[in-house]
């Protein structure tokens, strides 16, 4: 009986050690990806700030739904395509569902295969984007803006993963449209643009919306990578603790088995002496 238990514990130790190697490797992969994405995130943030600077100097006079707010409301949920990042995807889904219950949007746009199951039965979902990018691209967010405009979306809220710090990645809500012109005077005199026609303003409006979504997608991506890194590190540490405990259990069973065998040997020797 003890030999069978020893074998069972030994197998569990081996399986846990193999799992620890996998989680450690995935943690290292996440670390490498973080370094690559963080470099681009700084450029994306700077790019968005310059775009905001330009937009703040323009007084939009065109009748665009992103400016007037005349049209349908939409919720954009930016999640993850990959798992193994703890509760991060489910927290984004939960925040989006709760926001929809409060504000009752006309349409929902879902980005990410891991959060898609939470919305597939929702009749308000206009489109689900799965495995569209490994690292966010400007072309994808431009496609998202095009889809919204084709569906007469005017008022938009975005739920995404906000990167607070290396240990905290939380769902946040950003109001994308209609545009708020209250900050137009922060940068002093406004620019003069050529040409001044409506076509220029329309393109600038859509470019700005695309740039904001591009930045929010990058924020979510870096949050996903840090969440996965933390999750894999915790899993590795837990595996080490499990191996230590299993090793203690293994030694206890082995010592009990040796003691039992010694008792049997001594008992047998005593019986022979009596004979």
Foldseek 3Di string as FASTA:
>chain_A
DLVVVLVVLVVVLVVLVVLLVVLVVLLVVLVVVLVVLVVVLVVLVVVLVVLVLQVLLDDAPDPDLQAPVPFFEEEEQQAAADDLLPCRRVQSLVVSVVVCVVVVGQAYEYEYPVSCVSCVPPPRYPYYHHPPDPQFDLVVLLVVLVSCVVRGHRWYKYWAWAPPDLVDIHIDIDTLGSDDNPCSPVVPHHDDDPPPDNVVVVVSSSSSSSSVVSSRNSRRSSSSSSSNSVSSVVSSVVSVVVSVVSVVVSVVSVVVVVVVVVVVVVVVVVVVVVD
